[in-house]
Amino acid sequence: MTPMARRFLFLIGFIILLAFQKTEAQNVVFDTVGNTVISADTIVKEEKTTKKRSRAVKPHSPTKATIMSACLPGLGQIYNGKWWKVPIVYAGLGGLGYLVYTNNYEYRSYLHAYEFKTGDLPEGATLNAHETELANKYAANQLQTYKESYRRDFEFYTILTIAWYGLNILDACVDGHLYTYDISDDLSLSIDPYLKPLETPAPMPQYAQVGLSFKLNF
């Protein structure tokens, strides 16, 4: 074999060796933390598995949360993972509902007592014990004043109950939209002194810009 042939074969072998090493470098990934060698095929498979799992998870629906709270107050909050809001929702509805019931009851009691006093009570209607007590205790003008007061309170608490119900729906809708929103806890404000020499042909430290630097991280 001539020297020229040997050089040619050596060059071919060197090129093949470089190509083989490049292929191996593409198929492995080195973990600098644990000094472990991970196959690139394994990483690709794990990425595919992660994508399949992410597709399998259904996206959170603000519309669904809104409809659920409209159908049953507190249900949308449960869907959003805000379980602690359910007692607040029902405490408000329960308290307002009680005020609506009691004011309506008193309004009707004073109405019937007033109608009895003025002779406008429908034929065949009778007074219960509470209405009879009111009719014997107050005059007609007093009964009318209390009747109107309880009527206004009844309407006021009815409006508040409807508003609380609407607030329950609005809260579920807002929480549904913020469910996947990334709210970082890294919110900080740093204040540092600021000193910068004036831009002159020759640096002059005695003439500088002095102030404070404010940095807000969020």
N, C-alpha and C. Protein backbone atom coordinates (compact mmCIF):
# COMPACT_ATOMS: atom_id res chain seq x y z
N MET A 1 0.85 -1.18 0.00
CA MET A 1 0.00 0.00 0.00
C MET A 1 0.89 1.23 0.00
N THR A 2 0.60 2.11 -0.91
CA THR A 2 1.43 3.31 -1.05
C THR A 2 1.16 4.27 0.09
N PRO A 3 2.09 5.16 0.39
CA PRO A 3 1.87 6.16 1.45
C PRO A 3 0.64 7.03 1.17
N MET A 4 0.40 7.33 -0.09
CA MET A 4 -0.77 8.14 -0.45
C MET A 4 -2.07 7.43 -0.10
N ALA A 5 -2.14 6.11 -0.31
CA ALA A 5 -3.34 5.33 0.01
C ALA A 5 -3.56 5.26 1.51
N ARG A 6 -2.42 5.07 2.24
CA ARG A 6 -2.54 5.00 3.70
C ARG A 6 -3.08 6.33 4.26
N ARG A 7 -2.59 7.46 3.71
CA ARG A 7 -3.07 8.76 4.16
C ARG A 7 -4.56 8.94 3.84
N PHE A 8 -4.96 8.46 2.69
CA PHE A 8 -6.37 8.59 2.29
C PHE A 8 -7.27 7.78 3.22
N LEU A 9 -6.85 6.52 3.53
CA LEU A 9 -7.64 5.68 4.43
C LEU A 9 -7.68 6.27 5.83
N PHE A 10 -6.59 6.85 6.27
CA PHE A 10 -6.55 7.48 7.60
C PHE A 10 -7.52 8.67 7.66
N LEU A 11 -7.55 9.44 6.57
CA LEU A 11 -8.46 10.58 6.52
C LEU A 11 -9.91 10.13 6.55
N ILE A 12 -10.23 9.06 5.80
CA ILE A 12 -11.60 8.53 5.78
C ILE A 12 -12.00 8.04 7.17
N GLY A 13 -11.09 7.32 7.82
CA GLY A 13 -11.38 6.81 9.16
C GLY A 13 -11.60 7.93 10.17
N PHE A 14 -10.81 8.98 10.05
CA PHE A 14 -10.94 10.12 10.96
C PHE A 14 -12.30 10.81 10.80
N ILE A 15 -12.74 10.95 9.52
CA ILE A 15 -14.04 11.59 9.26
C ILE A 15 -15.18 10.74 9.81
N ILE A 16 -15.07 9.39 9.64
CA ILE A 16 -16.12 8.49 10.15
C ILE A 16 -16.19 8.58 11.67
N LEU A 17 -15.01 8.64 12.33
CA LEU A 17 -14.97 8.74 13.78
C LEU A 17 -15.62 10.03 14.28
N LEU A 18 -15.36 11.14 13.61
CA LEU A 18 -15.99 12.40 13.99
C LEU A 18 -17.49 12.36 13.82
N ALA A 19 -17.96 11.76 12.71
CA ALA A 19 -19.40 11.66 12.47
C ALA A 19 -20.08 10.80 13.53
N PHE A 20 -19.41 9.70 13.95
CA PHE A 20 -19.97 8.82 14.98
C PHE A 20 -20.07 9.54 16.32
N GLN A 21 -19.04 10.30 16.67
CA GLN A 21 -19.05 11.02 17.93
C GLN A 21 -20.12 12.10 17.94
N LYS A 22 -20.34 12.75 16.79
CA LYS A 22 -21.38 13.77 16.71
C LYS A 22 -22.77 13.17 16.91
N THR A 23 -22.98 11.97 16.29
CA THR A 23 -24.26 11.29 16.45
C THR A 23 -24.51 10.92 17.90
N GLU A 24 -23.46 10.42 18.57
CA GLU A 24 -23.61 10.06 19.99
C GLU A 24 -23.90 11.28 20.84
N ALA A 25 -23.29 12.40 20.50
CA ALA A 25 -23.51 13.62 21.28
C ALA A 25 -24.93 14.12 21.14
N GLN A 26 -25.55 13.86 19.97
CA GLN A 26 -26.92 14.28 19.78
C GLN A 26 -27.90 13.37 20.50
N ASN A 27 -27.55 12.13 20.76
CA ASN A 27 -28.46 11.16 21.35
C ASN A 27 -28.40 11.10 22.86
N VAL A 28 -27.46 11.84 23.47
CA VAL A 28 -27.36 11.82 24.92
C VAL A 28 -27.36 13.25 25.43
N VAL A 29 -27.87 13.41 26.65
CA VAL A 29 -27.88 14.70 27.32
C VAL A 29 -27.28 14.49 28.70
N PHE A 30 -26.35 15.34 29.09
CA PHE A 30 -25.68 15.21 30.37
C PHE A 30 -26.37 16.10 31.39
N ASP A 31 -26.71 15.51 32.52
CA ASP A 31 -27.29 16.24 33.62
C ASP A 31 -26.16 16.76 34.48
N THR A 32 -25.94 18.08 34.46
CA THR A 32 -24.80 18.64 35.19
C THR A 32 -25.00 18.63 36.69
N VAL A 33 -26.25 18.40 37.12
CA VAL A 33 -26.48 18.38 38.56
C VAL A 33 -26.10 17.04 39.15
N GLY A 34 -26.65 15.95 38.56
CA GLY A 34 -26.39 14.63 39.11
C GLY A 34 -25.33 13.85 38.37
N ASN A 35 -24.73 14.46 37.32
CA ASN A 35 -23.71 13.77 36.53
C ASN A 35 -24.22 12.47 35.94
N THR A 36 -25.48 12.46 35.51
CA THR A 36 -26.08 11.27 34.90
C THR A 36 -26.26 11.49 33.41
N VAL A 37 -26.19 10.43 32.68
CA VAL A 37 -26.37 10.50 31.23
C VAL A 37 -27.79 10.06 30.91
N ILE A 38 -28.53 10.92 30.22
CA ILE A 38 -29.93 10.65 29.89
C ILE A 38 -30.06 10.56 28.38
N SER A 39 -30.70 9.54 27.93
CA SER A 39 -30.89 9.36 26.50
C SER A 39 -31.86 10.40 25.98
N ALA A 40 -31.56 10.94 24.80
CA ALA A 40 -32.45 11.93 24.19
C ALA A 40 -33.78 11.31 23.81
N ASP A 41 -33.77 10.02 23.45
CA ASP A 41 -35.03 9.33 23.13
C ASP A 41 -35.94 9.28 24.34
N THR A 42 -35.33 9.08 25.52
CA THR A 42 -36.13 9.05 26.75
C THR A 42 -36.78 10.39 27.01
N ILE A 43 -36.05 11.48 26.76
CA ILE A 43 -36.58 12.82 26.97
C ILE A 43 -37.74 13.08 26.02
N VAL A 44 -37.60 12.64 24.77
CA VAL A 44 -38.67 12.83 23.79
C VAL A 44 -39.92 12.07 24.22
N LYS A 45 -39.73 10.83 24.72
CA LYS A 45 -40.87 10.04 25.16
C LYS A 45 -41.56 10.70 26.35
N GLU A 46 -40.76 11.23 27.30
CA GLU A 46 -41.34 11.89 28.46
C GLU A 46 -42.11 13.14 28.06
N GLU A 47 -41.59 13.88 27.07
CA GLU A 47 -42.29 15.08 26.60
C GLU A 47 -43.62 14.70 25.96
N LYS A 48 -43.63 13.61 25.19
CA LYS A 48 -44.88 13.16 24.57
C LYS A 48 -45.89 12.74 25.63
N THR A 49 -45.41 12.04 26.66
CA THR A 49 -46.30 11.61 27.74
C THR A 49 -46.89 12.80 28.47
N THR A 50 -46.04 13.82 28.72
CA THR A 50 -46.51 15.03 29.41
C THR A 50 -47.56 15.76 28.58
N LYS A 51 -47.33 15.82 27.25
CA LYS A 51 -48.31 16.47 26.38
C LYS A 51 -49.64 15.74 26.39
N LYS A 52 -49.58 14.39 26.37
CA LYS A 52 -50.82 13.61 26.40
C LYS A 52 -51.58 13.85 27.69
N ARG A 53 -50.83 13.92 28.81
CA ARG A 53 -51.49 14.16 30.09
C ARG A 53 -52.12 15.55 30.15
N SER A 54 -51.41 16.54 29.60
CA SER A 54 -51.96 17.90 29.60
C SER A 54 -53.20 18.00 28.73
N ARG A 55 -53.23 17.21 27.64
CA ARG A 55 -54.43 17.21 26.80
C ARG A 55 -55.58 16.51 27.50
N ALA A 56 -55.26 15.51 28.32
CA ALA A 56 -56.32 14.76 29.01
C ALA A 56 -57.00 15.61 30.08
N VAL A 57 -56.26 16.57 30.67
CA VAL A 57 -56.85 17.43 31.69
C VAL A 57 -57.75 18.46 31.04
N LYS A 58 -59.02 18.50 31.45
CA LYS A 58 -59.96 19.43 30.86
C LYS A 58 -59.66 20.85 31.35
N PRO A 59 -59.73 21.84 30.48
CA PRO A 59 -59.48 23.21 30.89
C PRO A 59 -60.56 23.72 31.83
N HIS A 60 -60.18 24.62 32.73
CA HIS A 60 -61.14 25.19 33.68
C HIS A 60 -62.03 26.17 32.94
N SER A 61 -63.34 26.07 33.18
CA SER A 61 -64.31 26.88 32.44
C SER A 61 -64.97 27.91 33.37
N PRO A 62 -64.70 29.20 33.15
CA PRO A 62 -65.39 30.23 33.93
C PRO A 62 -66.90 30.23 33.69
N THR A 63 -67.30 29.91 32.46
CA THR A 63 -68.73 29.87 32.15
C THR A 63 -69.43 28.78 32.96
N LYS A 64 -68.78 27.64 33.09
CA LYS A 64 -69.35 26.55 33.87
C LYS A 64 -69.48 26.94 35.33
N ALA A 65 -68.46 27.61 35.87
CA ALA A 65 -68.51 28.06 37.26
C ALA A 65 -69.65 29.05 37.47
N THR A 66 -69.86 29.94 36.51
CA THR A 66 -70.93 30.94 36.61
C THR A 66 -72.30 30.27 36.60
N ILE A 67 -72.50 29.33 35.69
CA ILE A 67 -73.79 28.65 35.60
C ILE A 67 -74.06 27.82 36.85
N MET A 68 -73.02 27.18 37.37
CA MET A 68 -73.19 26.35 38.58
C MET A 68 -73.62 27.20 39.77
N SER A 69 -73.01 28.38 39.94
CA SER A 69 -73.40 29.25 41.06
C SER A 69 -74.77 29.86 40.84
N ALA A 70 -75.16 30.03 39.58
CA ALA A 70 -76.51 30.55 39.31
C ALA A 70 -77.57 29.50 39.63
N CYS A 71 -77.26 28.24 39.36
CA CYS A 71 -78.21 27.15 39.65
C CYS A 71 -78.26 26.83 41.14
N LEU A 72 -77.09 26.79 41.78
CA LEU A 72 -77.02 26.49 43.22
C LEU A 72 -75.91 27.35 43.82
N PRO A 73 -76.26 28.35 44.61
CA PRO A 73 -75.23 29.23 45.19
C PRO A 73 -74.16 28.44 45.93
N GLY A 74 -72.90 28.79 45.67
CA GLY A 74 -71.78 28.10 46.31
C GLY A 74 -71.20 26.98 45.48
N LEU A 75 -71.96 26.47 44.51
CA LEU A 75 -71.48 25.34 43.72
C LEU A 75 -70.32 25.78 42.81
N GLY A 76 -70.42 26.96 42.26
CA GLY A 76 -69.33 27.47 41.42
C GLY A 76 -68.07 27.71 42.23
N GLN A 77 -68.22 28.14 43.49
CA GLN A 77 -67.05 28.33 44.35
C GLN A 77 -66.36 27.00 44.62
N ILE A 78 -67.14 25.94 44.80
CA ILE A 78 -66.56 24.61 44.99
C ILE A 78 -65.82 24.18 43.73
N TYR A 79 -66.40 24.44 42.57
CA TYR A 79 -65.75 24.10 41.30
C TYR A 79 -64.44 24.85 41.12
N ASN A 80 -64.39 26.09 41.63
CA ASN A 80 -63.16 26.89 41.54
C ASN A 80 -62.14 26.55 42.61
N GLY A 81 -62.50 25.65 43.53
CA GLY A 81 -61.58 25.27 44.60
C GLY A 81 -61.61 26.22 45.78
N LYS A 82 -62.61 27.11 45.84
CA LYS A 82 -62.72 28.05 46.96
C LYS A 82 -63.81 27.56 47.92
N TRP A 83 -63.54 26.45 48.59
CA TRP A 83 -64.52 25.85 49.49
C TRP A 83 -64.87 26.78 50.65
N TRP A 84 -63.89 27.56 51.12
CA TRP A 84 -64.10 28.39 52.31
C TRP A 84 -65.12 29.51 52.06
N LYS A 85 -65.45 29.79 50.82
CA LYS A 85 -66.43 30.83 50.52
C LYS A 85 -67.86 30.34 50.64
N VAL A 86 -68.07 29.03 50.63
CA VAL A 86 -69.44 28.49 50.67
C VAL A 86 -70.17 28.88 51.95
N PRO A 87 -69.55 28.74 53.15
CA PRO A 87 -70.27 29.18 54.36
C PRO A 87 -70.61 30.67 54.35
N ILE A 88 -69.74 31.48 53.75
CA ILE A 88 -70.00 32.92 53.68
C ILE A 88 -71.22 33.18 52.79
N VAL A 89 -71.28 32.47 51.66
CA VAL A 89 -72.42 32.64 50.74
C VAL A 89 -73.73 32.30 51.44
N TYR A 90 -73.75 31.17 52.13
CA TYR A 90 -75.00 30.73 52.76
C TYR A 90 -75.31 31.49 54.04
N ALA A 91 -74.28 32.00 54.72
CA ALA A 91 -74.54 32.84 55.89
C ALA A 91 -75.23 34.13 55.47
N GLY A 92 -74.76 34.72 54.36
CA GLY A 92 -75.41 35.92 53.85
C GLY A 92 -76.83 35.66 53.37
N LEU A 93 -77.00 34.59 52.61
CA LEU A 93 -78.35 34.26 52.12
C LEU A 93 -79.29 33.90 53.26
N GLY A 94 -78.78 33.18 54.25
CA GLY A 94 -79.62 32.79 55.38
C GLY A 94 -80.03 33.99 56.22
N GLY A 95 -79.06 34.88 56.52
CA GLY A 95 -79.38 36.06 57.31
C GLY A 95 -80.35 36.99 56.61
N LEU A 96 -80.09 37.25 55.33
CA LEU A 96 -80.98 38.12 54.58
C LEU A 96 -82.35 37.49 54.37
N GLY A 97 -82.37 36.18 54.15
CA GLY A 97 -83.63 35.49 53.98
C GLY A 97 -84.48 35.56 55.24
N TYR A 98 -83.83 35.47 56.41
CA TYR A 98 -84.56 35.58 57.68
C TYR A 98 -85.17 36.97 57.83
N LEU A 99 -84.41 38.00 57.48
CA LEU A 99 -84.92 39.37 57.58
C LEU A 99 -86.07 39.61 56.60
N VAL A 100 -85.97 39.02 55.41
CA VAL A 100 -87.07 39.14 54.45
C VAL A 100 -88.33 38.48 55.00
N TYR A 101 -88.18 37.30 55.59
CA TYR A 101 -89.35 36.57 56.11
C TYR A 101 -90.00 37.31 57.28
N THR A 102 -89.19 37.75 58.25
CA THR A 102 -89.76 38.39 59.43
C THR A 102 -90.43 39.73 59.09
N ASN A 103 -89.80 40.52 58.20
CA ASN A 103 -90.42 41.80 57.83
C ASN A 103 -91.69 41.59 57.03
N ASN A 104 -91.72 40.58 56.19
CA ASN A 104 -92.95 40.28 55.45
C ASN A 104 -94.05 39.81 56.39
N TYR A 105 -93.67 38.99 57.38
CA TYR A 105 -94.66 38.49 58.35
C TYR A 105 -95.25 39.65 59.15
N GLU A 106 -94.38 40.54 59.63
CA GLU A 106 -94.86 41.67 60.42
C GLU A 106 -95.69 42.63 59.57
N TYR A 107 -95.27 42.81 58.34
CA TYR A 107 -96.05 43.68 57.45
C TYR A 107 -97.47 43.16 57.27
N ARG A 108 -97.62 41.87 57.03
CA ARG A 108 -98.94 41.29 56.84
C ARG A 108 -99.77 41.33 58.13
N SER A 109 -99.06 41.15 59.26
CA SER A 109 -99.78 41.19 60.55
C SER A 109 -100.34 42.58 60.81
N TYR A 110 -99.51 43.61 60.60
CA TYR A 110 -99.99 44.97 60.80
C TYR A 110 -101.03 45.36 59.76
N LEU A 111 -100.91 44.82 58.54
CA LEU A 111 -101.90 45.09 57.50
C LEU A 111 -103.26 44.55 57.89
N HIS A 112 -103.29 43.33 58.37
CA HIS A 112 -104.57 42.72 58.76
C HIS A 112 -105.15 43.44 59.98
N ALA A 113 -104.29 43.82 60.91
CA ALA A 113 -104.79 44.55 62.09
C ALA A 113 -105.33 45.92 61.69
N TYR A 114 -104.67 46.57 60.73
CA TYR A 114 -105.14 47.88 60.24
C TYR A 114 -106.47 47.72 59.52
N GLU A 115 -106.60 46.69 58.69
CA GLU A 115 -107.86 46.47 57.98
C GLU A 115 -108.99 46.16 58.97
N PHE A 116 -108.66 45.48 60.04
CA PHE A 116 -109.68 45.18 61.06
C PHE A 116 -110.13 46.46 61.76
N LYS A 117 -109.15 47.34 62.04
CA LYS A 117 -109.47 48.60 62.71
C LYS A 117 -110.32 49.51 61.83
N THR A 118 -110.02 49.52 60.54
CA THR A 118 -110.73 50.41 59.62
C THR A 118 -111.97 49.76 59.02
N GLY A 119 -112.21 48.51 59.31
CA GLY A 119 -113.38 47.83 58.78
C GLY A 119 -113.20 47.35 57.36
N ASP A 120 -111.97 47.28 56.89
CA ASP A 120 -111.71 46.83 55.51
C ASP A 120 -111.27 45.38 55.44
N LEU A 121 -111.38 44.67 56.54
CA LEU A 121 -110.96 43.26 56.54
C LEU A 121 -111.90 42.46 55.66
N PRO A 122 -111.34 41.66 54.72
CA PRO A 122 -112.20 40.88 53.82
C PRO A 122 -113.17 39.99 54.60
N GLU A 123 -114.33 39.79 54.00
CA GLU A 123 -115.36 38.98 54.65
C GLU A 123 -114.88 37.53 54.81
N GLY A 124 -115.07 37.00 55.97
CA GLY A 124 -114.66 35.64 56.28
C GLY A 124 -113.25 35.53 56.81
N ALA A 125 -112.44 36.61 56.71
CA ALA A 125 -111.06 36.59 57.22
C ALA A 125 -111.07 36.81 58.72
N THR A 126 -110.19 36.15 59.40
CA THR A 126 -110.08 36.28 60.85
C THR A 126 -108.64 36.63 61.23
N LEU A 127 -108.50 37.18 62.42
CA LEU A 127 -107.18 37.55 62.91
C LEU A 127 -106.61 36.44 63.79
N ASN A 128 -105.30 36.22 63.69
CA ASN A 128 -104.66 35.28 64.61
C ASN A 128 -104.34 36.01 65.92
N ALA A 129 -103.71 35.31 66.85
CA ALA A 129 -103.47 35.88 68.18
C ALA A 129 -102.57 37.12 68.10
N HIS A 130 -101.52 37.05 67.27
CA HIS A 130 -100.60 38.17 67.15
C HIS A 130 -101.29 39.39 66.53
N GLU A 131 -102.09 39.19 65.50
CA GLU A 131 -102.79 40.29 64.84
C GLU A 131 -103.85 40.90 65.77
N THR A 132 -104.51 40.05 66.54
CA THR A 132 -105.50 40.55 67.50
C THR A 132 -104.84 41.42 68.56
N GLU A 133 -103.68 40.99 69.03
CA GLU A 133 -102.93 41.78 70.02
C GLU A 133 -102.55 43.15 69.46
N LEU A 134 -102.11 43.18 68.21
CA LEU A 134 -101.73 44.45 67.57
C LEU A 134 -102.95 45.37 67.41
N ALA A 135 -104.09 44.79 67.01
CA ALA A 135 -105.31 45.58 66.81
C ALA A 135 -105.79 46.19 68.12
N ASN A 136 -105.62 45.48 69.23
CA ASN A 136 -106.05 45.99 70.53
C ASN A 136 -105.04 46.98 71.12
N LYS A 137 -103.79 46.91 70.69
CA LYS A 137 -102.74 47.72 71.30
C LYS A 137 -102.56 49.07 70.62
N TYR A 138 -102.72 49.13 69.29
CA TYR A 138 -102.43 50.35 68.54
C TYR A 138 -103.67 50.91 67.87
N ALA A 139 -103.61 52.21 67.64
CA ALA A 139 -104.66 52.89 66.89
C ALA A 139 -104.43 52.68 65.39
N ALA A 140 -105.41 53.07 64.58
CA ALA A 140 -105.35 52.81 63.15
C ALA A 140 -104.16 53.54 62.50
N ASN A 141 -103.94 54.81 62.89
CA ASN A 141 -102.82 55.55 62.30
C ASN A 141 -101.47 54.96 62.68
N GLN A 142 -101.36 54.44 63.91
CA GLN A 142 -100.12 53.78 64.33
C GLN A 142 -99.91 52.49 63.56
N LEU A 143 -100.95 51.74 63.37
CA LEU A 143 -100.84 50.50 62.61
C LEU A 143 -100.41 50.78 61.17
N GLN A 144 -100.94 51.86 60.60
CA GLN A 144 -100.56 52.20 59.24
C GLN A 144 -99.08 52.60 59.16
N THR A 145 -98.59 53.32 60.17
CA THR A 145 -97.18 53.72 60.18
C THR A 145 -96.26 52.51 60.28
N TYR A 146 -96.57 51.59 61.20
CA TYR A 146 -95.75 50.39 61.35
C TYR A 146 -95.83 49.50 60.11
N LYS A 147 -97.05 49.46 59.52
CA LYS A 147 -97.23 48.64 58.32
C LYS A 147 -96.34 49.13 57.18
N GLU A 148 -96.28 50.41 56.95
CA GLU A 148 -95.47 50.97 55.88
C GLU A 148 -93.97 50.80 56.19
N SER A 149 -93.62 50.89 57.46
CA SER A 149 -92.21 50.71 57.83
C SER A 149 -91.73 49.28 57.54
N TYR A 150 -92.55 48.31 57.92
CA TYR A 150 -92.18 46.92 57.64
C TYR A 150 -92.22 46.61 56.15
N ARG A 151 -93.10 47.28 55.41
CA ARG A 151 -93.13 47.06 53.97
C ARG A 151 -91.84 47.55 53.31
N ARG A 152 -91.37 48.74 53.72
CA ARG A 152 -90.12 49.27 53.18
C ARG A 152 -88.93 48.37 53.53
N ASP A 153 -88.92 47.90 54.78
CA ASP A 153 -87.82 47.02 55.18
C ASP A 153 -87.86 45.70 54.41
N PHE A 154 -89.08 45.20 54.19
CA PHE A 154 -89.22 43.96 53.41
C PHE A 154 -88.67 44.14 52.00
N GLU A 155 -89.01 45.23 51.34
CA GLU A 155 -88.51 45.48 49.99
C GLU A 155 -87.00 45.69 49.98
N PHE A 156 -86.49 46.41 51.00
CA PHE A 156 -85.05 46.67 51.06
C PHE A 156 -84.25 45.38 51.21
N TYR A 157 -84.65 44.50 52.12
CA TYR A 157 -83.92 43.25 52.34
C TYR A 157 -84.12 42.27 51.18
N THR A 158 -85.24 42.39 50.50
CA THR A 158 -85.42 41.57 49.29
C THR A 158 -84.41 41.96 48.22
N ILE A 159 -84.20 43.27 48.05
CA ILE A 159 -83.21 43.76 47.08
C ILE A 159 -81.81 43.31 47.49
N LEU A 160 -81.50 43.39 48.79
CA LEU A 160 -80.17 42.96 49.26
C LEU A 160 -79.96 41.46 49.03
N THR A 161 -81.02 40.67 49.20
CA THR A 161 -80.90 39.23 48.97
C THR A 161 -80.60 38.93 47.50
N ILE A 162 -81.30 39.63 46.61
CA ILE A 162 -81.05 39.46 45.18
C ILE A 162 -79.63 39.90 44.83
N ALA A 163 -79.18 41.01 45.45
CA ALA A 163 -77.82 41.50 45.19
C ALA A 163 -76.78 40.50 45.70
N TRP A 164 -77.03 39.89 46.86
CA TRP A 164 -76.10 38.90 47.40
C TRP A 164 -76.04 37.66 46.50
N TYR A 165 -77.19 37.27 45.99
CA TYR A 165 -77.22 36.15 45.05
C TYR A 165 -76.43 36.47 43.79
N GLY A 166 -76.60 37.71 43.27
CA GLY A 166 -75.84 38.13 42.09
C GLY A 166 -74.35 38.21 42.38
N LEU A 167 -74.00 38.66 43.59
CA LEU A 167 -72.58 38.73 43.97
C LEU A 167 -71.96 37.34 44.03
N ASN A 168 -72.74 36.36 44.46
CA ASN A 168 -72.27 34.97 44.47
C ASN A 168 -71.94 34.51 43.05
N ILE A 169 -72.78 34.87 42.08
CA ILE A 169 -72.52 34.50 40.68
C ILE A 169 -71.31 35.24 40.13
N LEU A 170 -71.21 36.53 40.44
CA LEU A 170 -70.08 37.33 39.96
C LEU A 170 -68.76 36.83 40.55
N ASP A 171 -68.78 36.45 41.81
CA ASP A 171 -67.57 35.94 42.45
C ASP A 171 -67.10 34.65 41.79
N ALA A 172 -68.04 33.76 41.48
CA ALA A 172 -67.68 32.50 40.82
C ALA A 172 -67.11 32.77 39.43
N CYS A 173 -67.68 33.75 38.72
CA CYS A 173 -67.20 34.08 37.38
C CYS A 173 -65.78 34.65 37.42
N VAL A 174 -65.52 35.57 38.35
CA VAL A 174 -64.19 36.19 38.46
C VAL A 174 -63.15 35.15 38.87
N ASP A 175 -63.48 34.34 39.88
CA ASP A 175 -62.55 33.29 40.30
C ASP A 175 -62.28 32.29 39.20
N GLY A 176 -63.31 32.03 38.38
CA GLY A 176 -63.12 31.11 37.26
C GLY A 176 -62.13 31.65 36.24
N HIS A 177 -62.18 32.97 35.99
CA HIS A 177 -61.23 33.58 35.06
C HIS A 177 -59.82 33.65 35.64
N LEU A 178 -59.72 33.80 36.96
CA LEU A 178 -58.41 33.90 37.61
C LEU A 178 -57.85 32.54 38.03
N TYR A 179 -58.57 31.46 37.73
CA TYR A 179 -58.16 30.13 38.19
C TYR A 179 -56.79 29.75 37.64
N THR A 180 -56.56 30.02 36.36
CA THR A 180 -55.29 29.65 35.73
C THR A 180 -54.35 30.84 35.62
N TYR A 181 -54.70 31.95 36.24
CA TYR A 181 -53.85 33.14 36.18
C TYR A 181 -52.71 32.98 37.18
N ASP A 182 -51.48 33.20 36.72
CA ASP A 182 -50.30 33.03 37.56
C ASP A 182 -50.08 34.30 38.38
N ILE A 183 -50.44 34.21 39.65
CA ILE A 183 -50.24 35.33 40.56
C ILE A 183 -49.00 35.03 41.40
N SER A 184 -47.92 35.75 41.15
CA SER A 184 -46.67 35.50 41.84
C SER A 184 -46.66 36.18 43.21
N ASP A 185 -46.08 35.48 44.19
CA ASP A 185 -45.94 36.04 45.52
C ASP A 185 -44.71 36.93 45.64
N ASP A 186 -43.89 36.97 44.58
CA ASP A 186 -42.64 37.74 44.63
C ASP A 186 -42.94 39.20 44.29
N LEU A 187 -43.54 39.90 45.23
CA LEU A 187 -43.85 41.31 45.06
C LEU A 187 -43.05 42.09 46.10
N SER A 188 -42.09 42.86 45.64
CA SER A 188 -41.21 43.57 46.57
C SER A 188 -40.83 44.92 45.99
N LEU A 189 -40.49 45.83 46.89
CA LEU A 189 -40.05 47.17 46.51
C LEU A 189 -38.72 47.43 47.21
N SER A 190 -37.70 47.70 46.41
CA SER A 190 -36.39 48.00 46.96
C SER A 190 -36.01 49.45 46.66
N ILE A 191 -35.45 50.11 47.66
CA ILE A 191 -35.02 51.50 47.55
C ILE A 191 -33.52 51.54 47.80
N ASP A 192 -32.76 52.00 46.82
CA ASP A 192 -31.31 52.05 46.91
C ASP A 192 -30.81 53.46 46.62
N PRO A 193 -29.69 53.83 47.23
CA PRO A 193 -29.11 55.14 46.89
C PRO A 193 -28.57 55.15 45.47
N TYR A 194 -28.62 56.31 44.85
CA TYR A 194 -28.23 56.46 43.45
C TYR A 194 -27.16 57.54 43.36
N LEU A 195 -26.02 57.18 42.78
CA LEU A 195 -24.91 58.13 42.62
C LEU A 195 -24.29 57.93 41.25
N LYS A 196 -24.30 58.99 40.44
CA LYS A 196 -23.77 58.90 39.09
C LYS A 196 -22.96 60.16 38.79
N PRO A 197 -21.67 60.01 38.41
CA PRO A 197 -20.86 61.19 38.06
C PRO A 197 -21.43 61.88 36.82
N LEU A 198 -21.24 63.19 36.76
CA LEU A 198 -21.70 63.93 35.61
C LEU A 198 -20.89 63.57 34.38
N GLU A 199 -21.55 63.58 33.24
CA GLU A 199 -20.87 63.24 31.99
C GLU A 199 -20.06 64.46 31.52
N THR A 200 -18.79 64.50 31.91
CA THR A 200 -17.88 65.57 31.53
C THR A 200 -16.66 64.95 30.87
N PRO A 201 -15.90 65.73 30.13
CA PRO A 201 -14.70 65.17 29.50
C PRO A 201 -13.78 64.48 30.48
N ALA A 202 -13.67 65.03 31.67
CA ALA A 202 -12.84 64.41 32.72
C ALA A 202 -13.75 64.06 33.88
N PRO A 203 -13.66 62.81 34.41
CA PRO A 203 -14.51 62.43 35.54
C PRO A 203 -14.30 63.36 36.72
N MET A 204 -15.41 63.86 37.29
CA MET A 204 -15.32 64.77 38.42
C MET A 204 -16.25 64.24 39.51
N PRO A 205 -15.71 63.42 40.45
CA PRO A 205 -16.57 62.81 41.48
C PRO A 205 -17.26 63.83 42.35
N GLN A 206 -16.65 65.01 42.49
CA GLN A 206 -17.28 65.99 43.37
C GLN A 206 -18.55 66.58 42.76
N TYR A 207 -18.73 66.40 41.44
CA TYR A 207 -19.95 66.84 40.79
C TYR A 207 -20.68 65.59 40.29
N ALA A 208 -21.69 65.18 40.98
CA ALA A 208 -22.39 63.94 40.64
C ALA A 208 -23.88 64.11 40.86
N GLN A 209 -24.65 63.20 40.26
CA GLN A 209 -26.09 63.15 40.45
C GLN A 209 -26.40 62.22 41.61
N VAL A 210 -27.08 62.73 42.61
CA VAL A 210 -27.38 61.95 43.82
C VAL A 210 -28.90 61.82 43.93
N GLY A 211 -29.36 60.62 44.29
CA GLY A 211 -30.80 60.41 44.43
C GLY A 211 -31.10 59.03 44.96
N LEU A 212 -32.34 58.59 44.79
CA LEU A 212 -32.78 57.27 45.23
C LEU A 212 -33.30 56.49 44.03
N SER A 213 -33.04 55.18 44.04
CA SER A 213 -33.49 54.30 42.98
C SER A 213 -34.58 53.38 43.53
N PHE A 214 -35.73 53.37 42.88
CA PHE A 214 -36.85 52.54 43.29
C PHE A 214 -37.02 51.39 42.30
N LYS A 215 -37.06 50.15 42.82
CA LYS A 215 -37.25 48.97 41.97
C LYS A 215 -38.43 48.16 42.50
N LEU A 216 -39.40 47.95 41.64
CA LEU A 216 -40.59 47.18 41.99
C LEU A 216 -40.58 45.87 41.24
N ASN A 217 -40.56 44.75 41.97
CA ASN A 217 -40.59 43.43 41.38
C ASN A 217 -41.97 42.83 41.55
N PHE A 218 -42.57 42.36 40.45
CA PHE A 218 -43.88 41.73 40.53
C PHE A 218 -44.03 40.70 39.44
